[in-house]
Amino acid sequence: MNSLFKSVLVVCLVLMGISGCDVAGGGGSVKFDGTSAAASRESLQKMTAGLSDDEKKAFIEAATAVAFRMNEGTGNTASPETMWKGLTGLTKSEIEAKSKEIQAK
């Protein structure tokens, strides 16, 4: 992993407060809102509600990888304010499917 990817992943994990992120809702039909850093953080919290810490970490890693891939060449990965925009409108299962596609390549 490159250092920017690692840095963004760490920031995401810290922002979510991964160990105490039990927000009601569940991630099944929640659509990602990447319009701002706060909306992105809330979407990640909703999508990972009820997951174990390991499952949360795995999903955040998957979402980060998809966000990076979707933003390649756009400059949107430079800040948390813009890097998540590409995930807007996707569900948890769609993000996971895109992550699997990326891993298969």
N, C-alpha and C. Protein backbone atom coordinates (compact mmCIF):
# COMPACT_ATOMS: atom_id res chain seq x y z
N MET A 1 0.85 -1.19 0.00
CA MET A 1 0.00 0.00 0.00
C MET A 1 0.88 1.24 0.00
N ASN A 2 0.43 2.24 -0.76
CA ASN A 2 1.22 3.46 -0.73
C ASN A 2 0.92 4.25 0.53
N SER A 3 1.76 5.20 0.82
CA SER A 3 1.65 5.93 2.09
C SER A 3 0.39 6.79 2.15
N LEU A 4 -0.06 7.35 1.03
CA LEU A 4 -1.28 8.16 1.04
C LEU A 4 -2.48 7.29 1.39
N PHE A 5 -2.56 6.10 0.77
CA PHE A 5 -3.63 5.17 1.06
C PHE A 5 -3.64 4.81 2.54
N LYS A 6 -2.47 4.49 3.09
CA LYS A 6 -2.37 4.15 4.52
C LYS A 6 -2.80 5.32 5.39
N SER A 7 -2.37 6.51 5.01
CA SER A 7 -2.72 7.70 5.80
C SER A 7 -4.22 7.94 5.82
N VAL A 8 -4.84 7.82 4.65
CA VAL A 8 -6.29 8.03 4.57
C VAL A 8 -7.02 6.95 5.36
N LEU A 9 -6.56 5.72 5.25
CA LEU A 9 -7.18 4.63 5.99
C LEU A 9 -7.10 4.88 7.50
N VAL A 10 -5.95 5.29 7.97
CA VAL A 10 -5.78 5.58 9.40
C VAL A 10 -6.70 6.72 9.81
N VAL A 11 -6.77 7.77 9.01
CA VAL A 11 -7.66 8.90 9.31
C VAL A 11 -9.10 8.42 9.40
N CYS A 12 -9.51 7.58 8.46
CA CYS A 12 -10.88 7.06 8.47
C CYS A 12 -11.18 6.26 9.72
N LEU A 13 -10.25 5.40 10.08
CA LEU A 13 -10.45 4.58 11.27
C LEU A 13 -10.52 5.44 12.52
N VAL A 14 -9.67 6.43 12.59
CA VAL A 14 -9.68 7.32 13.75
C VAL A 14 -10.97 8.12 13.78
N LEU A 15 -11.36 8.67 12.64
CA LEU A 15 -12.58 9.48 12.59
C LEU A 15 -13.81 8.68 12.99
N MET A 16 -13.85 7.43 12.63
CA MET A 16 -15.00 6.61 12.97
C MET A 16 -15.00 6.20 14.43
N GLY A 17 -13.87 6.26 15.07
CA GLY A 17 -13.80 5.76 16.44
C GLY A 17 -14.16 4.29 16.43
N ILE A 18 -13.47 3.53 15.60
CA ILE A 18 -13.84 2.18 15.21
C ILE A 18 -14.31 1.29 16.37
N SER A 19 -13.76 1.45 17.52
CA SER A 19 -14.18 0.57 18.61
C SER A 19 -15.52 0.94 19.21
N GLY A 20 -15.98 2.17 19.03
CA GLY A 20 -17.25 2.57 19.63
C GLY A 20 -18.28 3.01 18.63
N CYS A 21 -18.24 2.44 17.46
CA CYS A 21 -19.08 2.90 16.37
C CYS A 21 -20.32 2.04 16.23
N ASP A 22 -21.19 2.04 17.21
CA ASP A 22 -22.42 1.28 17.14
C ASP A 22 -23.59 2.22 16.92
N VAL A 23 -23.80 2.57 15.67
CA VAL A 23 -24.86 3.49 15.30
C VAL A 23 -26.02 2.67 14.77
N ALA A 24 -27.24 2.99 15.18
CA ALA A 24 -28.41 2.25 14.72
C ALA A 24 -28.57 2.42 13.22
N GLY A 25 -29.09 1.43 12.56
CA GLY A 25 -29.38 1.55 11.14
C GLY A 25 -29.00 0.30 10.37
N GLY A 26 -27.77 -0.09 10.37
CA GLY A 26 -27.34 -1.23 9.59
C GLY A 26 -27.03 -0.82 8.16
N GLY A 27 -26.17 -1.56 7.50
CA GLY A 27 -25.68 -1.14 6.21
C GLY A 27 -26.36 -1.70 4.99
N GLY A 28 -27.35 -2.56 5.15
CA GLY A 28 -27.95 -3.23 4.00
C GLY A 28 -28.39 -2.33 2.87
N SER A 29 -29.32 -1.44 3.09
CA SER A 29 -29.85 -0.61 2.02
C SER A 29 -29.40 0.85 2.13
N VAL A 30 -28.51 1.14 3.06
CA VAL A 30 -28.01 2.50 3.21
C VAL A 30 -27.17 2.84 1.98
N LYS A 31 -27.42 4.01 1.42
CA LYS A 31 -26.63 4.47 0.28
C LYS A 31 -25.58 5.45 0.79
N PHE A 32 -24.38 5.30 0.29
CA PHE A 32 -23.26 6.12 0.72
C PHE A 32 -23.50 7.57 0.31
N ASP A 33 -23.20 8.48 1.24
CA ASP A 33 -23.28 9.92 0.98
C ASP A 33 -21.88 10.49 1.12
N GLY A 34 -21.25 10.79 0.00
CA GLY A 34 -19.89 11.31 0.01
C GLY A 34 -19.82 12.79 -0.27
N THR A 35 -20.88 13.51 0.06
CA THR A 35 -20.92 14.94 -0.24
C THR A 35 -20.04 15.78 0.67
N SER A 36 -19.64 15.22 1.80
CA SER A 36 -18.73 15.92 2.72
C SER A 36 -18.03 14.88 3.58
N ALA A 37 -17.00 15.30 4.28
CA ALA A 37 -16.29 14.37 5.17
C ALA A 37 -17.22 13.87 6.27
N ALA A 38 -18.05 14.75 6.81
CA ALA A 38 -18.98 14.35 7.87
C ALA A 38 -20.03 13.36 7.35
N ALA A 39 -20.56 13.61 6.16
CA ALA A 39 -21.55 12.71 5.57
C ALA A 39 -20.92 11.35 5.26
N SER A 40 -19.68 11.36 4.79
CA SER A 40 -18.96 10.12 4.51
C SER A 40 -18.74 9.32 5.78
N ARG A 41 -18.33 10.00 6.84
CA ARG A 41 -18.11 9.35 8.13
C ARG A 41 -19.41 8.73 8.63
N GLU A 42 -20.51 9.47 8.53
CA GLU A 42 -21.81 8.95 8.97
C GLU A 42 -22.23 7.74 8.14
N SER A 43 -21.99 7.79 6.84
CA SER A 43 -22.32 6.66 5.98
C SER A 43 -21.52 5.43 6.38
N LEU A 44 -20.22 5.61 6.62
CA LEU A 44 -19.39 4.48 7.05
C LEU A 44 -19.88 3.91 8.37
N GLN A 45 -20.29 4.79 9.28
CA GLN A 45 -20.80 4.32 10.57
C GLN A 45 -22.07 3.51 10.40
N LYS A 46 -22.98 4.00 9.57
CA LYS A 46 -24.24 3.27 9.35
C LYS A 46 -23.98 1.93 8.67
N MET A 47 -23.06 1.93 7.71
CA MET A 47 -22.79 0.70 6.96
C MET A 47 -22.06 -0.35 7.78
N THR A 48 -21.39 0.07 8.83
CA THR A 48 -20.65 -0.89 9.65
C THR A 48 -21.30 -1.16 11.00
N ALA A 49 -22.47 -0.58 11.23
CA ALA A 49 -23.18 -0.82 12.49
C ALA A 49 -23.46 -2.32 12.65
N GLY A 50 -23.16 -2.83 13.81
CA GLY A 50 -23.42 -4.23 14.11
C GLY A 50 -22.32 -5.19 13.66
N LEU A 51 -21.29 -4.68 12.99
CA LEU A 51 -20.18 -5.54 12.56
C LEU A 51 -19.14 -5.63 13.67
N SER A 52 -18.38 -6.71 13.65
CA SER A 52 -17.26 -6.82 14.60
C SER A 52 -16.19 -5.82 14.19
N ASP A 53 -15.25 -5.56 15.07
CA ASP A 53 -14.16 -4.64 14.75
C ASP A 53 -13.38 -5.09 13.51
N ASP A 54 -13.13 -6.39 13.39
CA ASP A 54 -12.41 -6.91 12.22
C ASP A 54 -13.22 -6.71 10.95
N GLU A 55 -14.53 -6.94 11.02
CA GLU A 55 -15.40 -6.74 9.85
C GLU A 55 -15.46 -5.26 9.48
N LYS A 56 -15.52 -4.39 10.49
CA LYS A 56 -15.52 -2.95 10.22
C LYS A 56 -14.24 -2.54 9.51
N LYS A 57 -13.12 -3.01 10.02
CA LYS A 57 -11.83 -2.66 9.44
C LYS A 57 -11.76 -3.16 7.99
N ALA A 58 -12.22 -4.38 7.75
CA ALA A 58 -12.19 -4.95 6.40
C ALA A 58 -13.06 -4.14 5.44
N PHE A 59 -14.24 -3.73 5.90
CA PHE A 59 -15.12 -2.94 5.03
C PHE A 59 -14.51 -1.57 4.75
N ILE A 60 -13.95 -0.94 5.76
CA ILE A 60 -13.35 0.39 5.56
C ILE A 60 -12.17 0.28 4.59
N GLU A 61 -11.38 -0.78 4.71
CA GLU A 61 -10.28 -0.99 3.76
C GLU A 61 -10.83 -1.16 2.35
N ALA A 62 -11.91 -1.94 2.22
CA ALA A 62 -12.53 -2.15 0.90
C ALA A 62 -13.06 -0.84 0.33
N ALA A 63 -13.76 -0.07 1.16
CA ALA A 63 -14.32 1.21 0.71
C ALA A 63 -13.22 2.19 0.31
N THR A 64 -12.14 2.19 1.07
CA THR A 64 -11.01 3.07 0.76
C THR A 64 -10.38 2.69 -0.57
N ALA A 65 -10.21 1.39 -0.80
CA ALA A 65 -9.64 0.92 -2.07
C ALA A 65 -10.52 1.31 -3.24
N VAL A 66 -11.84 1.16 -3.09
CA VAL A 66 -12.77 1.53 -4.16
C VAL A 66 -12.73 3.03 -4.39
N ALA A 67 -12.72 3.81 -3.33
CA ALA A 67 -12.68 5.27 -3.47
C ALA A 67 -11.42 5.69 -4.21
N PHE A 68 -10.28 5.10 -3.86
CA PHE A 68 -9.03 5.42 -4.55
C PHE A 68 -9.13 5.06 -6.03
N ARG A 69 -9.64 3.88 -6.33
CA ARG A 69 -9.74 3.44 -7.73
C ARG A 69 -10.69 4.34 -8.52
N MET A 70 -11.81 4.71 -7.93
CA MET A 70 -12.79 5.54 -8.62
C MET A 70 -12.27 6.96 -8.84
N ASN A 71 -11.33 7.39 -8.02
CA ASN A 71 -10.82 8.76 -8.09
C ASN A 71 -9.46 8.86 -8.79
N GLU A 72 -8.95 7.75 -9.31
CA GLU A 72 -7.64 7.79 -9.95
C GLU A 72 -7.61 8.88 -11.02
N GLY A 73 -6.62 9.72 -10.94
CA GLY A 73 -6.43 10.76 -11.93
C GLY A 73 -7.28 12.00 -11.74
N THR A 74 -8.14 12.02 -10.70
CA THR A 74 -9.01 13.18 -10.50
C THR A 74 -8.46 14.17 -9.49
N GLY A 75 -7.55 13.73 -8.65
CA GLY A 75 -7.04 14.58 -7.58
C GLY A 75 -7.95 14.57 -6.35
N ASN A 76 -9.04 13.81 -6.39
CA ASN A 76 -9.99 13.79 -5.27
C ASN A 76 -9.51 13.00 -4.07
N THR A 77 -8.39 12.30 -4.18
CA THR A 77 -7.90 11.52 -3.04
C THR A 77 -7.03 12.35 -2.12
N ALA A 78 -6.88 13.61 -2.43
CA ALA A 78 -5.98 14.47 -1.65
C ALA A 78 -6.53 14.81 -0.27
N SER A 79 -7.85 14.78 -0.10
CA SER A 79 -8.41 15.14 1.20
C SER A 79 -9.66 14.32 1.49
N PRO A 80 -9.98 14.14 2.77
CA PRO A 80 -11.21 13.43 3.13
C PRO A 80 -12.46 14.15 2.63
N GLU A 81 -12.35 15.44 2.38
CA GLU A 81 -13.50 16.20 1.87
C GLU A 81 -13.92 15.76 0.48
N THR A 82 -12.97 15.27 -0.32
CA THR A 82 -13.29 14.94 -1.70
C THR A 82 -13.12 13.48 -2.07
N MET A 83 -12.32 12.73 -1.33
CA MET A 83 -11.99 11.38 -1.79
C MET A 83 -13.17 10.42 -1.81
N TRP A 84 -14.18 10.64 -0.99
CA TRP A 84 -15.30 9.70 -0.89
C TRP A 84 -16.42 9.99 -1.89
N LYS A 85 -16.34 11.07 -2.64
CA LYS A 85 -17.43 11.46 -3.54
C LYS A 85 -17.81 10.37 -4.52
N GLY A 86 -16.84 9.61 -4.99
CA GLY A 86 -17.11 8.56 -5.97
C GLY A 86 -17.99 7.43 -5.46
N LEU A 87 -18.09 7.29 -4.14
CA LEU A 87 -18.92 6.22 -3.55
C LEU A 87 -20.37 6.65 -3.36
N THR A 88 -20.67 7.91 -3.60
CA THR A 88 -22.02 8.43 -3.38
C THR A 88 -23.04 7.61 -4.17
N GLY A 89 -24.06 7.18 -3.46
CA GLY A 89 -25.15 6.42 -4.07
C GLY A 89 -24.97 4.91 -4.04
N LEU A 90 -23.79 4.43 -3.66
CA LEU A 90 -23.55 2.99 -3.60
C LEU A 90 -23.98 2.42 -2.26
N THR A 91 -24.46 1.19 -2.27
CA THR A 91 -24.78 0.47 -1.03
C THR A 91 -23.55 -0.27 -0.55
N LYS A 92 -23.63 -0.79 0.66
CA LYS A 92 -22.52 -1.57 1.23
C LYS A 92 -22.19 -2.75 0.32
N SER A 93 -23.19 -3.46 -0.14
CA SER A 93 -22.93 -4.63 -0.98
C SER A 93 -22.33 -4.22 -2.33
N GLU A 94 -22.71 -3.08 -2.87
CA GLU A 94 -22.12 -2.61 -4.12
C GLU A 94 -20.65 -2.22 -3.93
N ILE A 95 -20.35 -1.60 -2.80
CA ILE A 95 -18.96 -1.25 -2.50
C ILE A 95 -18.12 -2.52 -2.35
N GLU A 96 -18.66 -3.50 -1.63
CA GLU A 96 -17.93 -4.77 -1.46
C GLU A 96 -17.72 -5.47 -2.80
N ALA A 97 -18.73 -5.44 -3.67
CA ALA A 97 -18.60 -6.08 -4.99
C ALA A 97 -17.53 -5.38 -5.83
N LYS A 98 -17.51 -4.05 -5.79
CA LYS A 98 -16.49 -3.30 -6.54
C LYS A 98 -15.09 -3.59 -5.98
N SER A 99 -15.00 -3.75 -4.67
CA SER A 99 -13.71 -4.09 -4.05
C SER A 99 -13.22 -5.45 -4.54
N LYS A 100 -14.14 -6.41 -4.64
CA LYS A 100 -13.76 -7.75 -5.13
C LYS A 100 -13.31 -7.68 -6.59
N GLU A 101 -13.97 -6.83 -7.39
CA GLU A 101 -13.57 -6.66 -8.78
C GLU A 101 -12.15 -6.10 -8.85
N ILE A 102 -11.85 -5.12 -8.00
CA ILE A 102 -10.53 -4.51 -7.98
C ILE A 102 -9.48 -5.55 -7.59
N GLN A 103 -9.79 -6.35 -6.57
CA GLN A 103 -8.84 -7.37 -6.10
C GLN A 103 -8.60 -8.43 -7.17
N ALA A 104 -9.61 -8.71 -8.00
CA ALA A 104 -9.49 -9.75 -9.03
C ALA A 104 -8.61 -9.30 -10.19
N LYS A 105 -8.42 -8.00 -10.35
CA LYS A 105 -7.63 -7.48 -11.47
C LYS A 105 -6.15 -7.54 -11.19
